[in-house]
């Protein structure tokens, strides 16, 4: 069984700082991987296999995200995701290397691995973000197969939702006693950060976005600086929750910049959330924002507006474990 421990506000996820590159002198130290939510354990384990084989952080986060897109059956990630209010399943993803290169896709339909398409955008195009039909056209040109992804269970959940057509995202809906079918994990993006044995960083995000969203809605996950940001000189950050808040505040970029100013990952995540609360205090009481950060020394921090956010950590050739994040609000 996966062990879980409470994350104290002033504690580091690893229990101690990991210095680079000296921290990787031990042959058993392959790097570190962190990712959002309980399903991050499976994604971390997939990414860890890449790192322990000497692979790059970039390859690791792509591998972890691909696991989530195909092996996980979750209402907000990959092929099992819930559709928008018109019945269309659209996928968003972004990937970023610590050297500043990045790529993303949004509103992508019928392509099984948006994270790999995002990497191709980064490596095979002059652009950063492709959307909709253009993203699909690019994916097919790069050799990706067009495949119908909407599952029968997601279709049935959508049909159930249509009876009332009520769109009201809730905080940690998987814990809500009256959640509609398909509402579970309604905002649980996979965000993943990794550092490899050479000390280089990378990150990835993948999601099917909010269930029952308006057609064409794009959240923070494919927006560089909102759902993901990585800088080898400082660290990396990713986000999950109500994407509009991350976009409004360029939250992942903000966390990295706060670390650049000398804050620890934990302090940076809290400071970013405090800004959100200061701007929109009443709204913040009814929405979830979760932040996860990793600095260039291997230190990890995580914070959420509300209780319930967990993240997965994998390091030192040990199995991934779940850790409870601190929260701004106690209930």
C-alpha atoms as a PDB file:
ATOM      1  CA  UNK A   1       0.000   0.000   0.000  1.00  0.00           C
ATOM      2  CA  UNK A   2       1.205   3.525  -0.819  1.00  0.00           C
ATOM      3  CA  UNK A   3       2.297   5.368   2.285  1.00  0.00           C
ATOM      4  CA  UNK A   4       0.963   8.842   2.975  1.00  0.00           C
ATOM      5  CA  UNK A   5       2.299  11.447   5.360  1.00  0.00           C
ATOM      6  CA  UNK A   6       1.193  14.881   6.320  1.00  0.00           C
ATOM      7  CA  UNK A   7       3.087  17.749   4.759  1.00  0.00           C
ATOM      8  CA  UNK A   8       3.903  20.435   7.320  1.00  0.00           C
ATOM      9  CA  UNK A   9       3.998  24.001   6.150  1.00  0.00           C
ATOM     10  CA  UNK A  10       7.719  24.399   6.727  1.00  0.00           C
ATOM     11  CA  UNK A  11       8.840  20.906   5.701  1.00  0.00           C
ATOM     12  CA  UNK A  12      10.419  19.816   2.452  1.00  0.00           C
ATOM     13  CA  UNK A  13       8.824  16.919   0.607  1.00  0.00           C
ATOM     14  CA  UNK A  14      12.116  15.026   0.502  1.00  0.00           C
ATOM     15  CA  UNK A  15      12.961  15.764   4.095  1.00  0.00           C
ATOM     16  CA  UNK A  16      16.150  17.554   3.106  1.00  0.00           C
ATOM     17  CA  UNK A  17      17.568  19.659   0.309  1.00  0.00           C
ATOM     18  CA  UNK A  18      19.179  17.794  -2.560  1.00  0.00           C
ATOM     19  CA  UNK A  19      22.256  19.569  -3.880  1.00  0.00           C
ATOM     20  CA  UNK A  20      23.188  19.348  -7.546  1.00  0.00           C
ATOM     21  CA  UNK A  21      25.241  18.048  -9.142  1.00  0.00           C
ATOM     22  CA  UNK A  22      26.837  16.490  -6.045  1.00  0.00           C
ATOM     23  CA  UNK A  23      23.496  14.974  -5.075  1.00  0.00           C
ATOM     24  CA  UNK A  24      23.674  12.796  -8.153  1.00  0.00           C
ATOM     25  CA  UNK A  25      27.154  11.378  -7.545  1.00  0.00           C
ATOM     26  CA  UNK A  26      25.634   8.246  -6.061  1.00  0.00           C
ATOM     27  CA  UNK A  27      24.872   5.786  -8.863  1.00  0.00           C
ATOM     28  CA  UNK A  28      21.484   5.069  -7.277  1.00  0.00           C
ATOM     29  CA  UNK A  29      20.446   8.730  -7.481  1.00  0.00           C
ATOM     30  CA  UNK A  30      18.776   9.177 -10.853  1.00  0.00           C
ATOM     31  CA  UNK A  31      16.970  12.431 -10.209  1.00  0.00           C
ATOM     32  CA  UNK A  32      13.521  13.270  -8.932  1.00  0.00           C
ATOM     33  CA  UNK A  33       9.975  13.285 -10.257  1.00  0.00           C
ATOM     34  CA  UNK A  34       6.896  14.943  -8.763  1.00  0.00           C
ATOM     35  CA  UNK A  35       3.385  15.058 -10.137  1.00  0.00           C
ATOM     36  CA  UNK A  36      -0.101  16.122  -9.120  1.00  0.00           C
ATOM     37  CA  UNK A  37      -2.791  13.936  -7.527  1.00  0.00           C
ATOM     38  CA  UNK A  38      -2.921  10.288  -6.555  1.00  0.00           C
ATOM     39  CA  UNK A  39      -2.723   9.031 -10.125  1.00  0.00           C
ATOM     40  CA  UNK A  40       0.651  10.744 -10.278  1.00  0.00           C
ATOM     41  CA  UNK A  41       2.065   7.590  -8.670  1.00  0.00           C
ATOM     42  CA  UNK A  42       1.623   5.605 -11.876  1.00  0.00           C
ATOM     43  CA  UNK A  43       2.875   8.496 -13.997  1.00  0.00           C
ATOM     44  CA  UNK A  44       5.910   8.918 -11.737  1.00  0.00           C
ATOM     45  CA  UNK A  45       6.781   5.251 -11.964  1.00  0.00           C
ATOM     46  CA  UNK A  46       6.717   5.448 -15.753  1.00  0.00           C
ATOM     47  CA  UNK A  47       8.903   8.571 -15.722  1.00  0.00           C
ATOM     48  CA  UNK A  48      11.273   7.020 -13.195  1.00  0.00           C
ATOM     49  CA  UNK A  49      12.066   4.133 -15.528  1.00  0.00           C
ATOM     50  CA  UNK A  50      13.356   6.698 -18.016  1.00  0.00           C
ATOM     51  CA  UNK A  51      15.503   8.498 -15.449  1.00  0.00           C
ATOM     52  CA  UNK A  52      17.025   5.360 -13.961  1.00  0.00           C
ATOM     53  CA  UNK A  53      18.040   4.267 -17.461  1.00  0.00           C
ATOM     54  CA  UNK A  54      19.953   7.543 -17.830  1.00  0.00           C
ATOM     55  CA  UNK A  55      17.267   9.333 -19.816  1.00  0.00           C
ATOM     56  CA  UNK A  56      16.615  13.052 -19.808  1.00  0.00           C
ATOM     57  CA  UNK A  57      14.081  14.892 -17.696  1.00  0.00           C
ATOM     58  CA  UNK A  58      12.290  15.825 -20.924  1.00  0.00           C
ATOM     59  CA  UNK A  59      11.918  12.195 -21.992  1.00  0.00           C
ATOM     60  CA  UNK A  60      10.833  11.289 -18.462  1.00  0.00           C
ATOM     61  CA  UNK A  61       7.964  13.769 -18.231  1.00  0.00           C
ATOM     62  CA  UNK A  62       6.752  12.869 -21.703  1.00  0.00           C
ATOM     63  CA  UNK A  63       6.781   9.196 -20.722  1.00  0.00           C
ATOM     64  CA  UNK A  64       4.904   9.870 -17.501  1.00  0.00           C
ATOM     65  CA  UNK A  65       2.279  11.953 -19.274  1.00  0.00           C
ATOM     66  CA  UNK A  66       1.835   9.319 -21.987  1.00  0.00           C
ATOM     67  CA  UNK A  67       1.136   6.760 -19.255  1.00  0.00           C
ATOM     68  CA  UNK A  68      -1.631   8.969 -17.897  1.00  0.00           C
ATOM     69  CA  UNK A  69      -3.104   9.575 -21.336  1.00  0.00           C
ATOM     70  CA  UNK A  70      -3.362   5.889 -22.242  1.00  0.00           C
ATOM     71  CA  UNK A  71      -3.170   3.671 -19.130  1.00  0.00           C
ATOM     72  CA  UNK A  72      -5.151   5.820 -16.712  1.00  0.00           C
ATOM     73  CA  UNK A  73      -8.934   5.995 -17.056  1.00  0.00           C
ATOM     74  CA  UNK A  74      -9.740   9.304 -15.414  1.00  0.00           C
ATOM     75  CA  UNK A  75     -12.527  11.809 -16.032  1.00  0.00           C
ATOM     76  CA  UNK A  76     -10.110  14.663 -16.761  1.00  0.00           C
ATOM     77  CA  UNK A  77      -6.997  13.126 -18.339  1.00  0.00           C
ATOM     78  CA  UNK A  78      -6.610  11.383 -21.673  1.00  0.00           C
ATOM     79  CA  UNK A  79      -8.893   8.986 -23.489  1.00  0.00           C
ATOM     80  CA  UNK A  80     -11.397   8.558 -20.616  1.00  0.00           C
ATOM     81  CA  UNK A  81     -11.947  12.270 -20.148  1.00  0.00           C
ATOM     82  CA  UNK A  82     -15.413  13.803 -20.017  1.00  0.00           C
ATOM     83  CA  UNK A  83     -16.585  15.813 -23.020  1.00  0.00           C
ATOM     84  CA  UNK A  84     -17.646  19.438 -23.282  1.00  0.00           C
ATOM     85  CA  UNK A  85     -21.313  20.448 -23.035  1.00  0.00           C
ATOM     86  CA  UNK A  86     -21.788  19.641 -26.737  1.00  0.00           C
ATOM     87  CA  UNK A  87     -20.426  16.122 -26.378  1.00  0.00           C
ATOM     88  CA  UNK A  88     -16.929  16.631 -27.824  1.00  0.00           C
ATOM     89  CA  UNK A  89     -13.840  15.308 -26.036  1.00  0.00           C
ATOM     90  CA  UNK A  90     -10.960  17.737 -26.465  1.00  0.00           C
ATOM     91  CA  UNK A  91      -7.470  17.395 -25.024  1.00  0.00           C
ATOM     92  CA  UNK A  92      -4.873  19.962 -23.956  1.00  0.00           C
ATOM     93  CA  UNK A  93      -1.176  19.446 -23.195  1.00  0.00           C
ATOM     94  CA  UNK A  94       2.109  21.278 -22.844  1.00  0.00           C
ATOM     95  CA  UNK A  95       5.728  20.312 -22.405  1.00  0.00           C
ATOM     96  CA  UNK A  96       8.700  22.504 -21.508  1.00  0.00           C
ATOM     97  CA  UNK A  97      12.433  21.962 -21.288  1.00  0.00           C
ATOM     98  CA  UNK A  98      14.581  23.837 -18.813  1.00  0.00           C
ATOM     99  CA  UNK A  99      16.377  25.632 -21.644  1.00  0.00           C
ATOM    100  CA  UNK A 100      13.186  27.519 -22.508  1.00  0.00           C
ATOM    101  CA  UNK A 101      11.962  25.401 -25.408  1.00  0.00           C
ATOM    102  CA  UNK A 102       8.273  24.541 -25.184  1.00  0.00           C
ATOM    103  CA  UNK A 103       5.320  23.292 -27.144  1.00  0.00           C
ATOM    104  CA  UNK A 104       1.592  22.899 -26.580  1.00  0.00           C
ATOM    105  CA  UNK A 105      -1.705  21.854 -28.116  1.00  0.00           C
ATOM    106  CA  UNK A 106      -5.241  22.813 -27.142  1.00  0.00           C
ATOM    107  CA  UNK A 107      -8.723  21.628 -28.096  1.00  0.00           C
ATOM    108  CA  UNK A 108      -7.167  18.641 -29.843  1.00  0.00           C
ATOM    109  CA  UNK A 109      -9.619  15.922 -30.889  1.00  0.00           C
ATOM    110  CA  UNK A 110      -9.135  12.214 -31.639  1.00  0.00           C
ATOM    111  CA  UNK A 111      -5.379  12.031 -31.022  1.00  0.00           C
ATOM    112  CA  UNK A 112      -4.388   9.681 -28.197  1.00  0.00           C
ATOM    113  CA  UNK A 113      -1.192  11.375 -27.004  1.00  0.00           C
ATOM    114  CA  UNK A 114      -1.457  15.170 -26.959  1.00  0.00           C
ATOM    115  CA  UNK A 115       1.733  15.418 -24.877  1.00  0.00           C
ATOM    116  CA  UNK A 116       3.763  13.891 -27.698  1.00  0.00           C
ATOM    117  CA  UNK A 117       2.084  16.171 -30.222  1.00  0.00           C
ATOM    118  CA  UNK A 118       3.060  19.099 -27.978  1.00  0.00           C
ATOM    119  CA  UNK A 119       6.663  17.911 -28.054  1.00  0.00           C
ATOM    120  CA  UNK A 120       6.539  17.730 -31.842  1.00  0.00           C
ATOM    121  CA  UNK A 121       5.211  21.297 -31.907  1.00  0.00           C
ATOM    122  CA  UNK A 122       8.262  22.255 -29.845  1.00  0.00           C
ATOM    123  CA  UNK A 123      10.757  20.349 -31.971  1.00  0.00           C
ATOM    124  CA  UNK A 124       9.255  20.306 -35.471  1.00  0.00           C
ATOM    125  CA  UNK A 125       7.484  23.641 -35.832  1.00  0.00           C
ATOM    126  CA  UNK A 126       8.330  27.336 -35.451  1.00  0.00           C
ATOM    127  CA  UNK A 127       5.417  27.751 -33.035  1.00  0.00           C
ATOM    128  CA  UNK A 128       4.614  27.130 -29.389  1.00  0.00           C
ATOM    129  CA  UNK A 129       0.847  26.486 -29.405  1.00  0.00           C
ATOM    130  CA  UNK A 130      -1.416  24.871 -31.992  1.00  0.00           C
ATOM    131  CA  UNK A 131      -5.166  24.527 -31.453  1.00  0.00           C
ATOM    132  CA  UNK A 132      -8.213  22.692 -32.711  1.00  0.00           C
ATOM    133  CA  UNK A 133      -8.321  21.432 -36.274  1.00  0.00           C
ATOM    134  CA  UNK A 134      -4.887  22.869 -36.974  1.00  0.00           C
ATOM    135  CA  UNK A 135      -3.366  20.925 -34.093  1.00  0.00           C
ATOM    136  CA  UNK A 136      -4.992  17.737 -35.359  1.00  0.00           C
ATOM    137  CA  UNK A 137      -3.794  18.396 -38.909  1.00  0.00           C
ATOM    138  CA  UNK A 138      -0.252  18.872 -37.626  1.00  0.00           C
ATOM    139  CA  UNK A 139      -0.450  15.696 -35.540  1.00  0.00           C
ATOM    140  CA  UNK A 140      -1.576  13.593 -38.480  1.00  0.00           C
ATOM    141  CA  UNK A 141       1.190  15.082 -40.641  1.00  0.00           C
ATOM    142  CA  UNK A 142       3.666  13.985 -37.966  1.00  0.00           C
ATOM    143  CA  UNK A 143       2.417  10.397 -38.123  1.00  0.00           C
ATOM    144  CA  UNK A 144      -0.120  10.322 -35.287  1.00  0.00           C
ATOM    145  CA  UNK A 145      -3.229   8.258 -35.954  1.00  0.00           C
ATOM    146  CA  UNK A 146      -6.715   9.697 -35.732  1.00  0.00           C
ATOM    147  CA  UNK A 147      -8.734   7.620 -33.254  1.00  0.00           C
ATOM    148  CA  UNK A 148     -12.179   8.119 -31.735  1.00  0.00           C
ATOM    149  CA  UNK A 149     -11.520   8.578 -28.004  1.00  0.00           C
ATOM    150  CA  UNK A 150     -14.860   9.295 -26.332  1.00  0.00           C
ATOM    151  CA  UNK A 151     -15.707   6.301 -24.150  1.00  0.00           C
ATOM    152  CA  UNK A 152     -19.191   4.925 -23.571  1.00  0.00           C
ATOM    153  CA  UNK A 153     -18.961   5.734 -19.851  1.00  0.00           C
ATOM    154  CA  UNK A 154     -18.062   9.358 -20.602  1.00  0.00           C
ATOM    155  CA  UNK A 155     -20.877   9.576 -23.136  1.00  0.00           C
ATOM    156  CA  UNK A 156     -23.359   8.253 -20.560  1.00  0.00           C
ATOM    157  CA  UNK A 157     -22.090  10.729 -17.962  1.00  0.00           C
ATOM    158  CA  UNK A 158     -22.635  13.530 -20.469  1.00  0.00           C
ATOM    159  CA  UNK A 159     -26.150  12.313 -21.209  1.00  0.00           C
ATOM    160  CA  UNK A 160     -26.894  12.274 -17.467  1.00  0.00           C
ATOM    161  CA  UNK A 161     -25.526  15.792 -17.110  1.00  0.00           C
ATOM    162  CA  UNK A 162     -27.745  17.026 -19.952  1.00  0.00           C
ATOM    163  CA  UNK A 163     -30.860  16.394 -17.855  1.00  0.00           C
ATOM    164  CA  UNK A 164     -30.105  19.531 -15.843  1.00  0.00           C
ATOM    165  CA  UNK A 165     -27.208  21.013 -17.836  1.00  0.00           C
ATOM    166  CA  UNK A 166     -25.863  22.585 -14.670  1.00  0.00           C
ATOM    167  CA  UNK A 167     -22.267  23.779 -14.845  1.00  0.00           C
ATOM    168  CA  UNK A 168     -20.874  24.393 -11.386  1.00  0.00           C
ATOM    169  CA  UNK A 169     -17.373  23.019 -10.770  1.00  0.00           C
ATOM    170  CA  UNK A 170     -16.807  22.102  -7.122  1.00  0.00           C
ATOM    171  CA  UNK A 171     -13.775  21.896  -4.869  1.00  0.00           C
ATOM    172  CA  UNK A 172     -12.350  18.366  -4.895  1.00  0.00           C
ATOM    173  CA  UNK A 173     -15.536  16.949  -6.477  1.00  0.00           C
ATOM    174  CA  UNK A 174     -14.330  13.378  -5.977  1.00  0.00           C
ATOM    175  CA  UNK A 175     -15.158  13.920  -2.291  1.00  0.00           C
ATOM    176  CA  UNK A 176     -18.571  15.421  -2.877  1.00  0.00           C
ATOM    177  CA  UNK A 177     -21.416  13.165  -1.735  1.00  0.00           C
ATOM    178  CA  UNK A 178     -23.792  14.388  -4.430  1.00  0.00           C
ATOM    179  CA  UNK A 179     -21.385  14.449  -7.366  1.00  0.00           C
ATOM    180  CA  UNK A 180     -22.933  13.603 -10.719  1.00  0.00           C
ATOM    181  CA  UNK A 181     -21.633  10.592 -12.642  1.00  0.00           C
ATOM    182  CA  UNK A 182     -18.464  11.721 -14.331  1.00  0.00           C
ATOM    183  CA  UNK A 183     -17.852  14.613 -11.939  1.00  0.00           C
ATOM    184  CA  UNK A 184     -15.142  12.727 -10.042  1.00  0.00           C
ATOM    185  CA  UNK A 185     -11.768  14.406 -10.448  1.00  0.00           C
ATOM    186  CA  UNK A 186     -13.366  17.135 -12.534  1.00  0.00           C
ATOM    187  CA  UNK A 187     -10.307  19.366 -12.299  1.00  0.00           C
ATOM    188  CA  UNK A 188      -7.497  16.921 -11.718  1.00  0.00           C
ATOM    189  CA  UNK A 189      -4.919  17.743 -14.365  1.00  0.00           C
ATOM    190  CA  UNK A 190      -1.716  15.720 -14.452  1.00  0.00           C
ATOM    191  CA  UNK A 191       1.157  18.154 -13.957  1.00  0.00           C
ATOM    192  CA  UNK A 192       4.634  16.610 -13.774  1.00  0.00           C
ATOM    193  CA  UNK A 193       8.096  18.015 -13.027  1.00  0.00           C
ATOM    194  CA  UNK A 194      11.426  16.180 -13.217  1.00  0.00           C
ATOM    195  CA  UNK A 195      15.111  16.747 -12.673  1.00  0.00           C
ATOM    196  CA  UNK A 196      17.606  14.305 -14.168  1.00  0.00           C
ATOM    197  CA  UNK A 197      21.036  13.135 -13.081  1.00  0.00           C
ATOM    198  CA  UNK A 198      22.698  15.987 -14.977  1.00  0.00           C
ATOM    199  CA  UNK A 199      20.617  18.525 -13.059  1.00  0.00           C
ATOM    200  CA  UNK A 200      18.415  19.541 -15.993  1.00  0.00           C
ATOM    201  CA  UNK A 201      14.710  20.203 -15.490  1.00  0.00           C
ATOM    202  CA  UNK A 202      11.589  19.598 -17.561  1.00  0.00           C
ATOM    203  CA  UNK A 203       7.834  19.596 -17.077  1.00  0.00           C
ATOM    204  CA  UNK A 204       4.622  18.405 -18.687  1.00  0.00           C
ATOM    205  CA  UNK A 205       0.862  18.922 -18.325  1.00  0.00           C
ATOM    206  CA  UNK A 206      -1.957  16.927 -19.872  1.00  0.00           C
ATOM    207  CA  UNK A 207      -5.724  17.148 -19.402  1.00  0.00           C
ATOM    208  CA  UNK A 208      -9.122  16.862 -21.012  1.00  0.00           C
ATOM    209  CA  UNK A 209     -10.108  19.970 -19.094  1.00  0.00           C
ATOM    210  CA  UNK A 210     -13.287  20.782 -17.252  1.00  0.00           C
ATOM    211  CA  UNK A 211     -16.196  18.455 -17.855  1.00  0.00           C
ATOM    212  CA  UNK A 212     -19.140  20.130 -19.599  1.00  0.00           C
ATOM    213  CA  UNK A 213     -17.065  23.206 -20.477  1.00  0.00           C
ATOM    214  CA  UNK A 214     -18.172  25.525 -23.262  1.00  0.00           C
ATOM    215  CA  UNK A 215     -17.017  24.356 -26.664  1.00  0.00           C
ATOM    216  CA  UNK A 216     -13.640  25.939 -27.344  1.00  0.00           C
ATOM    217  CA  UNK A 217     -12.770  26.575 -23.695  1.00  0.00           C
ATOM    218  CA  UNK A 218      -9.053  26.243 -22.975  1.00  0.00           C
ATOM    219  CA  UNK A 219      -7.688  26.039 -19.451  1.00  0.00           C
ATOM    220  CA  UNK A 220      -4.239  26.664 -18.060  1.00  0.00           C
ATOM    221  CA  UNK A 221      -2.576  23.341 -18.905  1.00  0.00           C
ATOM    222  CA  UNK A 222      -1.446  24.229 -22.447  1.00  0.00           C
ATOM    223  CA  UNK A 223      -0.627  27.830 -21.542  1.00  0.00           C
ATOM    224  CA  UNK A 224       3.088  28.220 -20.825  1.00  0.00           C
ATOM    225  CA  UNK A 225       3.463  30.282 -17.663  1.00  0.00           C
ATOM    226  CA  UNK A 226      -0.020  29.427 -16.399  1.00  0.00           C
ATOM    227  CA  UNK A 227      -0.167  25.650 -16.015  1.00  0.00           C
ATOM    228  CA  UNK A 228       3.557  25.008 -16.468  1.00  0.00           C
ATOM    229  CA  UNK A 229       6.872  26.831 -16.413  1.00  0.00           C
ATOM    230  CA  UNK A 230      10.457  25.538 -16.284  1.00  0.00           C
ATOM    231  CA  UNK A 231      13.827  27.287 -16.030  1.00  0.00           C
ATOM    232  CA  UNK A 232      17.065  25.365 -15.491  1.00  0.00           C
ATOM    233  CA  UNK A 233      18.562  28.349 -13.670  1.00  0.00           C
ATOM    234  CA  UNK A 234      15.824  28.359 -11.031  1.00  0.00           C
ATOM    235  CA  UNK A 235      13.287  25.545 -11.001  1.00  0.00           C
ATOM    236  CA  UNK A 236       9.891  24.483 -12.294  1.00  0.00           C
ATOM    237  CA  UNK A 237       6.237  24.765 -11.339  1.00  0.00           C
ATOM    238  CA  UNK A 238       2.935  23.286 -12.423  1.00  0.00           C
ATOM    239  CA  UNK A 239      -0.678  23.795 -11.432  1.00  0.00           C
ATOM    240  CA  UNK A 240      -4.033  22.053 -11.187  1.00  0.00           C
ATOM    241  CA  UNK A 241      -7.514  23.229 -10.360  1.00  0.00           C
ATOM    242  CA  UNK A 242      -9.548  26.075 -11.814  1.00  0.00           C
ATOM    243  CA  UNK A 243      -7.507  26.941 -14.900  1.00  0.00           C
ATOM    244  CA  UNK A 244      -8.944  30.399 -15.327  1.00  0.00           C
ATOM    245  CA  UNK A 245      -7.270  31.472 -12.074  1.00  0.00           C
ATOM    246  CA  UNK A 246      -3.877  30.224 -13.236  1.00  0.00           C
ATOM    247  CA  UNK A 247      -4.253  32.089 -16.511  1.00  0.00           C
ATOM    248  CA  UNK A 248      -5.322  35.301 -14.764  1.00  0.00           C
ATOM    249  CA  UNK A 249      -2.248  35.211 -12.529  1.00  0.00           C
ATOM    250  CA  UNK A 250       0.387  33.510 -14.757  1.00  0.00           C
ATOM    251  CA  UNK A 251       0.710  31.320 -11.694  1.00  0.00           C
ATOM    252  CA  UNK A 252       3.405  28.817 -12.661  1.00  0.00           C
ATOM    253  CA  UNK A 253       5.633  31.586 -13.991  1.00  0.00           C
ATOM    254  CA  UNK A 254       5.004  33.534 -10.801  1.00  0.00           C
ATOM    255  CA  UNK A 255       6.089  30.597  -8.632  1.00  0.00           C
ATOM    256  CA  UNK A 256       9.340  30.236 -10.578  1.00  0.00           C
ATOM    257  CA  UNK A 257      10.024  33.964 -10.350  1.00  0.00           C
ATOM    258  CA  UNK A 258       9.416  33.910  -6.599  1.00  0.00           C
ATOM    259  CA  UNK A 259      11.961  31.088  -6.333  1.00  0.00           C
ATOM    260  CA  UNK A 260      14.335  33.204  -8.407  1.00  0.00           C
ATOM    261  CA  UNK A 261      13.999  35.879  -5.739  1.00  0.00           C
ATOM    262  CA  UNK A 262      15.169  33.402  -3.108  1.00  0.00           C
ATOM    263  CA  UNK A 263      12.001  31.764  -1.828  1.00  0.00           C
ATOM    264  CA  UNK A 264      11.877  28.003  -1.300  1.00  0.00           C
ATOM    265  CA  UNK A 265       9.416  26.041  -3.481  1.00  0.00           C
ATOM    266  CA  UNK A 266       7.039  25.808  -0.530  1.00  0.00           C
ATOM    267  CA  UNK A 267       7.247  29.532   0.218  1.00  0.00           C
ATOM    268  CA  UNK A 268       6.813  30.396  -3.462  1.00  0.00           C
ATOM    269  CA  UNK A 269       3.665  28.290  -3.832  1.00  0.00           C
ATOM    270  CA  UNK A 270       2.121  29.868  -0.733  1.00  0.00           C
ATOM    271  CA  UNK A 271       3.023  33.406  -1.814  1.00  0.00           C
ATOM    272  CA  UNK A 272       1.440  32.857  -5.235  1.00  0.00           C
ATOM    273  CA  UNK A 273      -1.779  31.607  -3.650  1.00  0.00           C
ATOM    274  CA  UNK A 274      -1.847  34.545  -1.262  1.00  0.00           C
ATOM    275  CA  UNK A 275      -1.840  36.871  -4.261  1.00  0.00           C
ATOM    276  CA  UNK A 276      -4.831  35.051  -5.728  1.00  0.00           C
ATOM    277  CA  UNK A 277      -6.719  35.309  -2.447  1.00  0.00           C
ATOM    278  CA  UNK A 278      -5.865  38.985  -2.092  1.00  0.00           C
ATOM    279  CA  UNK A 279      -7.279  39.766  -5.529  1.00  0.00           C
ATOM    280  CA  UNK A 280     -10.365  37.533  -5.328  1.00  0.00           C
ATOM    281  CA  UNK A 281     -10.949  36.598  -1.709  1.00  0.00           C
ATOM    282  CA  UNK A 282     -14.629  35.640  -1.961  1.00  0.00           C
ATOM    283  CA  UNK A 283     -14.180  33.718  -5.215  1.00  0.00           C
ATOM    284  CA  UNK A 284     -11.198  31.876  -3.743  1.00  0.00           C
ATOM    285  CA  UNK A 285     -13.423  30.306  -1.091  1.00  0.00           C
ATOM    286  CA  UNK A 286     -15.314  28.403  -3.782  1.00  0.00           C
ATOM    287  CA  UNK A 287     -12.615  27.240  -6.162  1.00  0.00           C
ATOM    288  CA  UNK A 288      -9.525  25.072  -5.949  1.00  0.00           C
ATOM    289  CA  UNK A 289      -6.019  26.016  -7.059  1.00  0.00           C
ATOM    290  CA  UNK A 290      -3.140  23.604  -6.458  1.00  0.00           C
ATOM    291  CA  UNK A 291       0.534  24.406  -7.005  1.00  0.00           C
ATOM    292  CA  UNK A 292       3.564  22.113  -7.141  1.00  0.00           C
ATOM    293  CA  UNK A 293       7.157  23.293  -7.475  1.00  0.00           C
ATOM    294  CA  UNK A 294      10.663  21.834  -7.777  1.00  0.00           C
ATOM    295  CA  UNK A 295      13.804  23.951  -7.638  1.00  0.00           C
ATOM    296  CA  UNK A 296      17.184  23.257  -9.230  1.00  0.00           C
ATOM    297  CA  UNK A 297      18.496  21.852  -5.938  1.00  0.00           C
ATOM    298  CA  UNK A 298      15.818  19.160  -5.884  1.00  0.00           C
ATOM    299  CA  UNK A 299      13.705  20.796  -3.150  1.00  0.00           C
ATOM    300  CA  UNK A 300       9.953  20.307  -3.506  1.00  0.00           C
ATOM    301  CA  UNK A 301       7.031  22.407  -2.332  1.00  0.00           C
ATOM    302  CA  UNK A 302       3.266  22.188  -2.717  1.00  0.00           C
ATOM    303  CA  UNK A 303       0.280  24.233  -1.606  1.00  0.00           C
ATOM    304  CA  UNK A 304      -3.433  24.484  -2.408  1.00  0.00           C
ATOM    305  CA  UNK A 305      -6.197  26.912  -1.624  1.00  0.00           C
ATOM    306  CA  UNK A 306      -8.254  24.139  -0.004  1.00  0.00           C
ATOM    307  CA  UNK A 307      -7.537  20.821   1.661  1.00  0.00           C
ATOM    308  CA  UNK A 308      -7.491  17.649  -0.398  1.00  0.00           C
ATOM    309  CA  UNK A 309      -4.587  18.178  -2.785  1.00  0.00           C
ATOM    310  CA  UNK A 310      -2.036  15.357  -2.828  1.00  0.00           C
ATOM    311  CA  UNK A 311       1.032  14.905  -4.980  1.00  0.00           C
ATOM    312  CA  UNK A 312       3.315  12.015  -5.832  1.00  0.00           C
ATOM    313  CA  UNK A 313       7.071  12.031  -5.217  1.00  0.00           C
ATOM    314  CA  UNK A 314       9.651   9.616  -6.624  1.00  0.00           C
ATOM    315  CA  UNK A 315      13.363   9.829  -5.715  1.00  0.00           C
ATOM    316  CA  UNK A 316      16.428   7.792  -4.761  1.00  0.00           C
ATOM    317  CA  UNK A 317      15.212   4.721  -6.674  1.00  0.00           C
ATOM    318  CA  UNK A 318      12.300   4.302  -4.265  1.00  0.00           C
ATOM    319  CA  UNK A 319       8.661   3.665  -5.129  1.00  0.00           C
ATOM    320  CA  UNK A 320       6.556   6.752  -5.618  1.00  0.00           C
ATOM    321  CA  UNK A 321       4.667   7.887  -2.531  1.00  0.00           C
ATOM    322  CA  UNK A 322       1.835  10.289  -1.930  1.00  0.00           C
ATOM    323  CA  UNK A 323       2.143  13.417   0.187  1.00  0.00           C
ATOM    324  CA  UNK A 324      -0.638  15.675   1.456  1.00  0.00           C
ATOM    325  CA  UNK A 325      -0.159  19.314   0.543  1.00  0.00           C
ATOM    326  CA  UNK A 326      -0.789  22.209   2.912  1.00  0.00           C
ATOM    327  CA  UNK A 327      -3.697  24.531   2.237  1.00  0.00           C
ATOM    328  CA  UNK A 328      -4.501  28.206   2.690  1.00  0.00           C
ATOM    329  CA  UNK A 329      -8.026  27.473   3.933  1.00  0.00           C
ATOM    330  CA  UNK A 330      -8.631  24.770   6.526  1.00  0.00           C
ATOM    331  CA  UNK A 331     -11.979  23.629   5.173  1.00  0.00           C
END
